[in-house]
Amino acid sequence: MTTIINADRIKTYRHYGGDIDGILKINKKADLEKFGSDLDGIWSKITSVLQDIELVEKGLTSKEYTEKILIEIKALCDNEAYEELTKVISIYRFSLIDIIKDYQISANQAVNIFKAKYKVNDILEGWHNNVYEQTGKLIDEGIYFYAFHGIGLAAHFKDKIVDFDFAYFPEPRHDGFDLWRLTNFIKNQRNKYPDYRDTTKVEKEFNELIKEGVIVKPKLINSTSLYFFKSTLKTETTDTTERKVEHKNSLRKSFQNWLKKIRSPILIAF
């Protein structure tokens, strides 16, 4: 396959909004010369390539078909054009578990930056002891903005934002997560996670992980709303099904005790 797409041709194509009639109507010699004698063929090929890339970006193609498309595009483009066209594509299809792990890595990255820079063991204590401000920037370390809040931190990196809280076992842990935090983590990396742009999909798979017992809430003295991978916990876990049964049993016992109390005077009276 001959290399027919270069960065200059892509730039011109986009300048005219993909409208071949536009370039013909303007009839600018410098632009027309970029395509030589095969304007129709090259223009059509660029259109086809961009349509394929859009399908891949939206997660509408299988992994096998994606790989096939990329091989064909690479054969049509020079290196610069290929990089420009495919920079929006995530070839690897992530699962929600992969995203959770990425979230945890990002939270750990933020924590380690503060620990290393300010020589603190607990980054919340560092904030409370005025070692650093509640909000600020650590540009050299890769944090473009940060904000401490309650028992957590929001850290803005160049390519992502991670917002996390600590849970106390009693030692502090920052690898916990919930649906809201994961959804926001995905939203600010839409091109990285095209399969999870639909928030209903995120919620559905999150609930499936709960049902399967992959992620759980730990039973802690200082209770938490965060979930953790069950395999990482040594403490007891909170089971919502158990709690509901316990609550029903408690109500049943309370009702039975109430009946005994109101019946006792009646029996004595008779």
C-alpha atoms as a PDB file:
ATOM      1  CA  MET A   1       0.000   0.000   0.000  1.00  0.00           C
ATOM      2  CA  THR A   2       1.408   3.421  -0.996  1.00  0.00           C
ATOM      3  CA  THR A   3       1.839   6.168   1.604  1.00  0.00           C
ATOM      4  CA  ILE A   4      -0.573   8.856   0.440  1.00  0.00           C
ATOM      5  CA  ILE A   5      -1.600  10.631   3.652  1.00  0.00           C
ATOM      6  CA  ASN A   6       0.739  13.107   5.310  1.00  0.00           C
ATOM      7  CA  ALA A   7       0.265  15.727   8.027  1.00  0.00           C
ATOM      8  CA  ASP A   8       0.053  18.571   5.508  1.00  0.00           C
ATOM      9  CA  ARG A   9      -2.780  16.897   3.586  1.00  0.00           C
ATOM     10  CA  ILE A  10      -4.676  16.209   6.824  1.00  0.00           C
ATOM     11  CA  LYS A  11      -4.306  19.847   7.859  1.00  0.00           C
ATOM     12  CA  THR A  12      -5.657  21.041   4.498  1.00  0.00           C
ATOM     13  CA  TYR A  13      -8.512  18.508   4.618  1.00  0.00           C
ATOM     14  CA  ARG A  14      -9.552  19.765   8.048  1.00  0.00           C
ATOM     15  CA  HIS A  15      -9.173  23.385   6.964  1.00  0.00           C
ATOM     16  CA  TYR A  16     -11.956  22.797   4.436  1.00  0.00           C
ATOM     17  CA  GLY A  17     -14.010  20.762   6.906  1.00  0.00           C
ATOM     18  CA  GLY A  18     -13.658  17.651   4.756  1.00  0.00           C
ATOM     19  CA  ASP A  19     -15.628  19.355   1.963  1.00  0.00           C
ATOM     20  CA  ILE A  20     -13.970  18.607  -1.375  1.00  0.00           C
ATOM     21  CA  ASP A  21     -16.307  21.053  -3.133  1.00  0.00           C
ATOM     22  CA  GLY A  22     -14.914  23.747  -0.848  1.00  0.00           C
ATOM     23  CA  ILE A  23     -11.311  23.275  -1.942  1.00  0.00           C
ATOM     24  CA  LEU A  24     -12.394  23.113  -5.590  1.00  0.00           C
ATOM     25  CA  LYS A  25     -14.487  26.260  -5.256  1.00  0.00           C
ATOM     26  CA  ILE A  26     -11.706  28.263  -3.562  1.00  0.00           C
ATOM     27  CA  ASN A  27      -9.297  26.837  -6.151  1.00  0.00           C
ATOM     28  CA  LYS A  28      -6.202  27.816  -4.199  1.00  0.00           C
ATOM     29  CA  LYS A  29      -3.255  26.507  -6.179  1.00  0.00           C
ATOM     30  CA  ALA A  30      -1.002  25.800  -3.174  1.00  0.00           C
ATOM     31  CA  ASP A  31      -3.696  23.654  -1.521  1.00  0.00           C
ATOM     32  CA  LEU A  32      -4.568  21.767  -4.691  1.00  0.00           C
ATOM     33  CA  GLU A  33      -0.927  20.990  -5.425  1.00  0.00           C
ATOM     34  CA  LYS A  34      -0.613  19.161  -2.111  1.00  0.00           C
ATOM     35  CA  PHE A  35      -2.842  16.423  -3.531  1.00  0.00           C
ATOM     36  CA  GLY A  36      -1.296  16.253  -6.997  1.00  0.00           C
ATOM     37  CA  SER A  37      -3.371  14.690  -9.740  1.00  0.00           C
ATOM     38  CA  ASP A  38      -5.396  12.414  -7.423  1.00  0.00           C
ATOM     39  CA  LEU A  39      -7.370  14.877  -5.323  1.00  0.00           C
ATOM     40  CA  ASP A  40     -10.549  12.772  -5.400  1.00  0.00           C
ATOM     41  CA  GLY A  41      -8.791   9.539  -4.428  1.00  0.00           C
ATOM     42  CA  ILE A  42      -6.703  10.967  -1.577  1.00  0.00           C
ATOM     43  CA  TRP A  43      -9.587  13.077  -0.240  1.00  0.00           C
ATOM     44  CA  SER A  44     -11.862  10.038  -0.229  1.00  0.00           C
ATOM     45  CA  LYS A  45      -9.214   7.931   1.515  1.00  0.00           C
ATOM     46  CA  ILE A  46      -8.742  10.522   4.276  1.00  0.00           C
ATOM     47  CA  THR A  47     -12.524  10.617   4.783  1.00  0.00           C
ATOM     48  CA  SER A  48     -12.641   6.824   5.062  1.00  0.00           C
ATOM     49  CA  VAL A  49      -9.730   6.725   7.521  1.00  0.00           C
ATOM     50  CA  LEU A  50     -11.311   9.372   9.769  1.00  0.00           C
ATOM     51  CA  GLN A  51     -14.609   7.473   9.781  1.00  0.00           C
ATOM     52  CA  ASP A  52     -12.816   4.273  10.823  1.00  0.00           C
ATOM     53  CA  ILE A  53     -10.969   6.108  13.580  1.00  0.00           C
ATOM     54  CA  GLU A  54     -14.243   7.550  14.887  1.00  0.00           C
ATOM     55  CA  LEU A  55     -15.734   4.051  15.121  1.00  0.00           C
ATOM     56  CA  VAL A  56     -12.689   2.814  17.063  1.00  0.00           C
ATOM     57  CA  GLU A  57     -12.667   5.873  19.344  1.00  0.00           C
ATOM     58  CA  LYS A  58     -16.326   5.276  20.235  1.00  0.00           C
ATOM     59  CA  GLY A  59     -15.591   1.661  21.120  1.00  0.00           C
ATOM     60  CA  LEU A  60     -17.771   0.285  18.311  1.00  0.00           C
ATOM     61  CA  THR A  61     -15.193  -2.130  16.890  1.00  0.00           C
ATOM     62  CA  SER A  62     -13.748  -5.401  18.146  1.00  0.00           C
ATOM     63  CA  LYS A  63     -10.120  -5.616  19.211  1.00  0.00           C
ATOM     64  CA  GLU A  64      -9.313  -7.692  16.112  1.00  0.00           C
ATOM     65  CA  TYR A  65     -10.994  -5.232  13.734  1.00  0.00           C
ATOM     66  CA  THR A  66      -9.290  -2.298  15.477  1.00  0.00           C
ATOM     67  CA  GLU A  67      -5.880  -3.887  14.971  1.00  0.00           C
ATOM     68  CA  LYS A  68      -6.696  -4.524  11.294  1.00  0.00           C
ATOM     69  CA  ILE A  69      -7.759  -0.895  10.779  1.00  0.00           C
ATOM     70  CA  LEU A  70      -4.619   0.448  12.424  1.00  0.00           C
ATOM     71  CA  ILE A  71      -2.376  -1.687  10.227  1.00  0.00           C
ATOM     72  CA  GLU A  72      -4.141  -0.347   7.124  1.00  0.00           C
ATOM     73  CA  ILE A  73      -3.964   3.265   8.343  1.00  0.00           C
ATOM     74  CA  LYS A  74      -0.276   2.930   9.168  1.00  0.00           C
ATOM     75  CA  ALA A  75       0.386   1.723   5.607  1.00  0.00           C
ATOM     76  CA  LEU A  76      -1.436   4.746   4.166  1.00  0.00           C
ATOM     77  CA  CYS A  77       0.213   7.388   6.380  1.00  0.00           C
ATOM     78  CA  ASP A  78       3.667   8.691   7.084  1.00  0.00           C
ATOM     79  CA  ASN A  79       4.725   8.569  10.741  1.00  0.00           C
ATOM     80  CA  GLU A  80       3.646  12.117  11.590  1.00  0.00           C
ATOM     81  CA  ALA A  81       0.203  11.671  10.039  1.00  0.00           C
ATOM     82  CA  TYR A  82      -0.292   8.305  11.739  1.00  0.00           C
ATOM     83  CA  GLU A  83       0.531   9.754  15.162  1.00  0.00           C
ATOM     84  CA  GLU A  84      -1.799  12.695  14.572  1.00  0.00           C
ATOM     85  CA  LEU A  85      -4.736  10.543  13.451  1.00  0.00           C
ATOM     86  CA  THR A  86      -4.469   7.797  16.065  1.00  0.00           C
ATOM     87  CA  LYS A  87      -3.631   9.825  19.190  1.00  0.00           C
ATOM     88  CA  VAL A  88      -7.308   9.701  20.237  1.00  0.00           C
ATOM     89  CA  ILE A  89      -7.462   5.898  20.114  1.00  0.00           C
ATOM     90  CA  SER A  90      -7.087   3.565  23.062  1.00  0.00           C
ATOM     91  CA  ILE A  91      -6.262   0.194  21.501  1.00  0.00           C
ATOM     92  CA  TYR A  92      -6.512  -1.703  24.744  1.00  0.00           C
ATOM     93  CA  ARG A  93     -10.028  -2.369  26.013  1.00  0.00           C
ATOM     94  CA  PHE A  94     -10.105  -1.657  29.739  1.00  0.00           C
ATOM     95  CA  SER A  95     -12.361  -3.384  32.250  1.00  0.00           C
ATOM     96  CA  LEU A  96     -13.768  -1.594  35.296  1.00  0.00           C
ATOM     97  CA  ILE A  97     -11.260  -3.489  37.441  1.00  0.00           C
ATOM     98  CA  ASP A  98      -8.458  -2.025  35.297  1.00  0.00           C
ATOM     99  CA  ILE A  99      -9.903   1.458  35.858  1.00  0.00           C
ATOM    100  CA  ILE A 100     -10.105   0.920  39.625  1.00  0.00           C
ATOM    101  CA  LYS A 101      -6.450  -0.135  39.663  1.00  0.00           C
ATOM    102  CA  ASP A 102      -5.508   2.927  37.602  1.00  0.00           C
ATOM    103  CA  TYR A 103      -7.423   5.099  40.091  1.00  0.00           C
ATOM    104  CA  GLN A 104      -5.531   3.488  42.987  1.00  0.00           C
ATOM    105  CA  ILE A 105      -2.172   3.968  41.254  1.00  0.00           C
ATOM    106  CA  SER A 106      -3.014   7.631  40.650  1.00  0.00           C
ATOM    107  CA  ALA A 107      -4.002   8.174  44.298  1.00  0.00           C
ATOM    108  CA  ASN A 108      -0.797   6.471  45.422  1.00  0.00           C
ATOM    109  CA  GLN A 109       1.210   8.661  43.049  1.00  0.00           C
ATOM    110  CA  ALA A 110      -0.232  11.812  44.648  1.00  0.00           C
ATOM    111  CA  VAL A 111       0.408  10.557  48.191  1.00  0.00           C
ATOM    112  CA  ASN A 112       4.002   9.597  47.413  1.00  0.00           C
ATOM    113  CA  ILE A 113       4.711  13.017  45.873  1.00  0.00           C
ATOM    114  CA  PHE A 114       3.722  14.769  49.129  1.00  0.00           C
ATOM    115  CA  LYS A 115       5.582  12.264  51.306  1.00  0.00           C
ATOM    116  CA  ALA A 116       8.783  12.580  49.286  1.00  0.00           C
ATOM    117  CA  LYS A 117       8.724  16.370  48.920  1.00  0.00           C
ATOM    118  CA  TYR A 118       7.753  17.262  52.489  1.00  0.00           C
ATOM    119  CA  LYS A 119       9.132  14.248  54.387  1.00  0.00           C
ATOM    120  CA  VAL A 120       5.803  13.446  56.071  1.00  0.00           C
ATOM    121  CA  ASN A 121       4.316  10.047  56.894  1.00  0.00           C
ATOM    122  CA  ASP A 122       0.696  11.203  56.939  1.00  0.00           C
ATOM    123  CA  ILE A 123      -0.185  13.787  54.276  1.00  0.00           C
ATOM    124  CA  LEU A 124      -3.386  14.868  56.057  1.00  0.00           C
ATOM    125  CA  GLU A 125      -1.413  15.624  59.222  1.00  0.00           C
ATOM    126  CA  GLY A 126       1.024  17.600  57.097  1.00  0.00           C
ATOM    127  CA  TRP A 127      -1.830  19.769  55.896  1.00  0.00           C
ATOM    128  CA  HIS A 128      -3.337  20.148  59.384  1.00  0.00           C
ATOM    129  CA  ASN A 129       0.090  21.072  60.778  1.00  0.00           C
ATOM    130  CA  ASN A 130       0.544  23.732  58.096  1.00  0.00           C
ATOM    131  CA  VAL A 131       3.510  22.004  56.456  1.00  0.00           C
ATOM    132  CA  TYR A 132       1.821  22.978  53.195  1.00  0.00           C
ATOM    133  CA  GLU A 133      -1.281  24.925  52.163  1.00  0.00           C
ATOM    134  CA  GLN A 134      -4.709  23.360  51.708  1.00  0.00           C
ATOM    135  CA  THR A 135      -4.576  24.207  47.993  1.00  0.00           C
ATOM    136  CA  GLY A 136      -1.654  24.788  45.670  1.00  0.00           C
ATOM    137  CA  LYS A 137       0.536  23.497  42.855  1.00  0.00           C
ATOM    138  CA  LEU A 138       3.524  21.169  42.635  1.00  0.00           C
ATOM    139  CA  ILE A 139       4.356  21.671  38.967  1.00  0.00           C
ATOM    140  CA  ASP A 140       7.843  20.167  39.084  1.00  0.00           C
ATOM    141  CA  GLU A 141       6.403  16.999  40.621  1.00  0.00           C
ATOM    142  CA  GLY A 142       3.594  16.787  38.045  1.00  0.00           C
ATOM    143  CA  ILE A 143       0.656  18.086  40.122  1.00  0.00           C
ATOM    144  CA  TYR A 144      -0.812  21.124  38.379  1.00  0.00           C
ATOM    145  CA  PHE A 145      -3.319  21.800  41.176  1.00  0.00           C
ATOM    146  CA  TYR A 146      -4.241  20.127  44.452  1.00  0.00           C
ATOM    147  CA  ALA A 147      -6.868  20.647  47.129  1.00  0.00           C
ATOM    148  CA  PHE A 148      -7.174  18.898  50.485  1.00  0.00           C
ATOM    149  CA  HIS A 149     -10.729  18.379  51.748  1.00  0.00           C
ATOM    150  CA  GLY A 150     -12.071  16.644  54.850  1.00  0.00           C
ATOM    151  CA  ILE A 151     -10.150  13.357  54.933  1.00  0.00           C
ATOM    152  CA  GLY A 152      -9.064  13.401  51.304  1.00  0.00           C
ATOM    153  CA  LEU A 153      -7.248  15.057  48.437  1.00  0.00           C
ATOM    154  CA  ALA A 154      -7.998  16.044  44.848  1.00  0.00           C
ATOM    155  CA  ALA A 155      -4.877  16.034  42.655  1.00  0.00           C
ATOM    156  CA  HIS A 156      -4.869  17.397  39.099  1.00  0.00           C
ATOM    157  CA  PHE A 157      -2.210  15.831  36.908  1.00  0.00           C
ATOM    158  CA  LYS A 158      -1.590  16.799  33.287  1.00  0.00           C
ATOM    159  CA  ASP A 159      -3.690  13.929  31.933  1.00  0.00           C
ATOM    160  CA  LYS A 160      -6.077  13.113  34.784  1.00  0.00           C
ATOM    161  CA  ILE A 161      -7.726  14.204  38.028  1.00  0.00           C
ATOM    162  CA  VAL A 162      -7.926  11.852  41.002  1.00  0.00           C
ATOM    163  CA  ASP A 163     -10.057  12.646  44.041  1.00  0.00           C
ATOM    164  CA  PHE A 164      -9.730  10.235  46.958  1.00  0.00           C
ATOM    165  CA  ASP A 165     -10.412   9.860  50.679  1.00  0.00           C
ATOM    166  CA  PHE A 166      -8.553   8.002  53.392  1.00  0.00           C
ATOM    167  CA  ALA A 167     -10.024   5.173  55.463  1.00  0.00           C
ATOM    168  CA  TYR A 168      -8.582   4.216  58.861  1.00  0.00           C
ATOM    169  CA  PHE A 169      -7.988   0.526  59.739  1.00  0.00           C
ATOM    170  CA  PRO A 170      -6.796   2.253  62.049  1.00  0.00           C
ATOM    171  CA  GLU A 171      -3.728   2.883  59.853  1.00  0.00           C
ATOM    172  CA  PRO A 172      -4.657   5.202  56.959  1.00  0.00           C
ATOM    173  CA  ARG A 173      -5.303   3.660  53.552  1.00  0.00           C
ATOM    174  CA  HIS A 174      -5.920   5.563  50.319  1.00  0.00           C
ATOM    175  CA  ASP A 175      -6.802   2.699  47.954  1.00  0.00           C
ATOM    176  CA  GLY A 176     -10.533   2.901  48.653  1.00  0.00           C
ATOM    177  CA  PHE A 177     -13.040   4.049  46.043  1.00  0.00           C
ATOM    178  CA  ASP A 178     -16.729   4.438  45.324  1.00  0.00           C
ATOM    179  CA  LEU A 179     -18.963   4.822  42.277  1.00  0.00           C
ATOM    180  CA  TRP A 180     -18.946   8.636  42.346  1.00  0.00           C
ATOM    181  CA  ARG A 181     -15.159   8.898  42.483  1.00  0.00           C
ATOM    182  CA  LEU A 182     -14.638   6.343  39.724  1.00  0.00           C
ATOM    183  CA  THR A 183     -17.209   8.015  37.477  1.00  0.00           C
ATOM    184  CA  ASN A 184     -15.447  11.363  37.818  1.00  0.00           C
ATOM    185  CA  PHE A 185     -12.045   9.732  37.262  1.00  0.00           C
ATOM    186  CA  ILE A 186     -13.359   8.299  33.986  1.00  0.00           C
ATOM    187  CA  LYS A 187     -15.014  11.558  32.893  1.00  0.00           C
ATOM    188  CA  ASN A 188     -11.739  13.471  32.860  1.00  0.00           C
ATOM    189  CA  GLN A 189     -10.092  10.716  30.755  1.00  0.00           C
ATOM    190  CA  ARG A 190     -12.826  10.129  28.188  1.00  0.00           C
ATOM    191  CA  ASN A 191     -10.453   9.253  25.339  1.00  0.00           C
ATOM    192  CA  LYS A 192      -8.631   6.723  27.489  1.00  0.00           C
ATOM    193  CA  TYR A 193     -11.829   4.940  28.537  1.00  0.00           C
ATOM    194  CA  PRO A 194     -14.230   5.233  25.553  1.00  0.00           C
ATOM    195  CA  ASP A 195     -16.095   2.065  26.588  1.00  0.00           C
ATOM    196  CA  TYR A 196     -17.112   3.691  29.883  1.00  0.00           C
ATOM    197  CA  ARG A 197     -18.485   7.033  28.739  1.00  0.00           C
ATOM    198  CA  ASP A 198     -21.931   5.678  29.552  1.00  0.00           C
ATOM    199  CA  THR A 199     -22.371   6.169  33.301  1.00  0.00           C
ATOM    200  CA  THR A 200     -25.094   3.492  33.429  1.00  0.00           C
ATOM    201  CA  LYS A 201     -22.516   0.947  32.243  1.00  0.00           C
ATOM    202  CA  VAL A 202     -20.131   2.026  35.013  1.00  0.00           C
ATOM    203  CA  GLU A 203     -22.871   1.723  37.644  1.00  0.00           C
ATOM    204  CA  LYS A 204     -24.036  -1.659  36.343  1.00  0.00           C
ATOM    205  CA  GLU A 205     -20.549  -3.171  36.386  1.00  0.00           C
ATOM    206  CA  PHE A 206     -19.763  -1.607  39.772  1.00  0.00           C
ATOM    207  CA  ASN A 207     -22.860  -3.250  41.273  1.00  0.00           C
ATOM    208  CA  GLU A 208     -21.903  -6.557  39.641  1.00  0.00           C
ATOM    209  CA  LEU A 209     -18.504  -6.413  41.362  1.00  0.00           C
ATOM    210  CA  ILE A 210     -20.305  -5.865  44.684  1.00  0.00           C
ATOM    211  CA  LYS A 211     -22.683  -8.759  44.024  1.00  0.00           C
ATOM    212  CA  GLU A 212     -19.788 -11.047  43.084  1.00  0.00           C
ATOM    213  CA  GLY A 213     -17.917 -10.089  46.265  1.00  0.00           C
ATOM    214  CA  VAL A 214     -14.925  -8.720  44.375  1.00  0.00           C
ATOM    215  CA  ILE A 215     -15.243  -5.316  46.065  1.00  0.00           C
ATOM    216  CA  VAL A 216     -16.560  -4.812  49.603  1.00  0.00           C
ATOM    217  CA  LYS A 217     -16.874  -2.287  52.400  1.00  0.00           C
ATOM    218  CA  PRO A 218     -14.760  -3.085  55.470  1.00  0.00           C
ATOM    219  CA  LYS A 219     -16.201  -3.055  59.001  1.00  0.00           C
ATOM    220  CA  LEU A 220     -14.212  -0.326  60.746  1.00  0.00           C
ATOM    221  CA  ILE A 221     -14.469   1.508  64.056  1.00  0.00           C
ATOM    222  CA  ASN A 222     -14.448   4.720  62.034  1.00  0.00           C
ATOM    223  CA  SER A 223     -16.939   3.625  59.389  1.00  0.00           C
ATOM    224  CA  THR A 224     -16.279   4.383  55.743  1.00  0.00           C
ATOM    225  CA  SER A 225     -18.384   4.583  52.586  1.00  0.00           C
ATOM    226  CA  LEU A 226     -15.439   3.407  50.490  1.00  0.00           C
ATOM    227  CA  TYR A 227     -15.067   0.037  48.806  1.00  0.00           C
ATOM    228  CA  PHE A 228     -11.881  -2.046  48.603  1.00  0.00           C
ATOM    229  CA  PHE A 229     -10.840  -5.160  46.753  1.00  0.00           C
ATOM    230  CA  LYS A 230     -11.830  -7.976  49.105  1.00  0.00           C
ATOM    231  CA  SER A 231      -8.510  -9.722  48.466  1.00  0.00           C
ATOM    232  CA  THR A 232      -6.671  -6.805  50.121  1.00  0.00           C
ATOM    233  CA  LEU A 233      -8.638  -6.863  53.383  1.00  0.00           C
ATOM    234  CA  LYS A 234      -7.948  -8.712  56.623  1.00  0.00           C
ATOM    235  CA  THR A 235     -10.843  -7.100  58.496  1.00  0.00           C
ATOM    236  CA  GLU A 236     -14.478  -8.167  58.514  1.00  0.00           C
ATOM    237  CA  THR A 237     -16.578  -6.826  55.666  1.00  0.00           C
ATOM    238  CA  THR A 238     -19.983  -5.220  55.663  1.00  0.00           C
ATOM    239  CA  ASP A 239     -22.523  -7.370  53.861  1.00  0.00           C
ATOM    240  CA  THR A 240     -25.637  -5.416  52.878  1.00  0.00           C
ATOM    241  CA  THR A 241     -27.703  -8.597  52.574  1.00  0.00           C
ATOM    242  CA  GLU A 242     -26.755  -9.641  56.106  1.00  0.00           C
ATOM    243  CA  ARG A 243     -27.576  -6.199  57.424  1.00  0.00           C
ATOM    244  CA  LYS A 244     -31.056  -6.310  55.894  1.00  0.00           C
ATOM    245  CA  VAL A 245     -31.751  -9.737  57.433  1.00  0.00           C
ATOM    246  CA  GLU A 246     -30.436  -8.576  60.814  1.00  0.00           C
ATOM    247  CA  HIS A 247     -32.599  -5.473  60.607  1.00  0.00           C
ATOM    248  CA  LYS A 248     -35.708  -7.542  59.818  1.00  0.00           C
ATOM    249  CA  ASN A 249     -34.957  -9.926  62.689  1.00  0.00           C
ATOM    250  CA  SER A 250     -34.479  -6.969  65.012  1.00  0.00           C
ATOM    251  CA  LEU A 251     -37.835  -5.495  63.973  1.00  0.00           C
ATOM    252  CA  ARG A 252     -39.523  -8.859  64.436  1.00  0.00           C
ATOM    253  CA  LYS A 253     -38.119  -9.215  67.969  1.00  0.00           C
ATOM    254  CA  SER A 254     -39.137  -5.646  68.830  1.00  0.00           C
ATOM    255  CA  PHE A 255     -42.674  -6.328  67.611  1.00  0.00           C
ATOM    256  CA  GLN A 256     -42.887  -9.551  69.621  1.00  0.00           C
ATOM    257  CA  ASN A 257     -41.687  -7.758  72.779  1.00  0.00           C
ATOM    258  CA  TRP A 258     -44.260  -5.009  72.184  1.00  0.00           C
ATOM    259  CA  LEU A 259     -47.036  -7.600  71.881  1.00  0.00           C
ATOM    260  CA  LYS A 260     -45.972  -9.221  75.159  1.00  0.00           C
ATOM    261  CA  LYS A 261     -46.112  -5.871  76.929  1.00  0.00           C
ATOM    262  CA  ILE A 262     -49.616  -4.984  75.763  1.00  0.00           C
ATOM    263  CA  ARG A 263     -50.960  -8.495  76.365  1.00  0.00           C
ATOM    264  CA  SER A 264     -49.696  -8.831  79.939  1.00  0.00           C
ATOM    265  CA  PRO A 265     -52.063  -6.266  81.531  1.00  0.00           C
ATOM    266  CA  ILE A 266     -55.017  -7.719  79.629  1.00  0.00           C
ATOM    267  CA  LEU A 267     -54.348 -11.224  80.957  1.00  0.00           C
ATOM    268  CA  ILE A 268     -53.992  -9.914  84.501  1.00  0.00           C
ATOM    269  CA  ALA A 269     -57.239  -7.953  84.229  1.00  0.00           C
ATOM    270  CA  PHE A 270     -59.149 -11.038  83.273  1.00  0.00           C
END
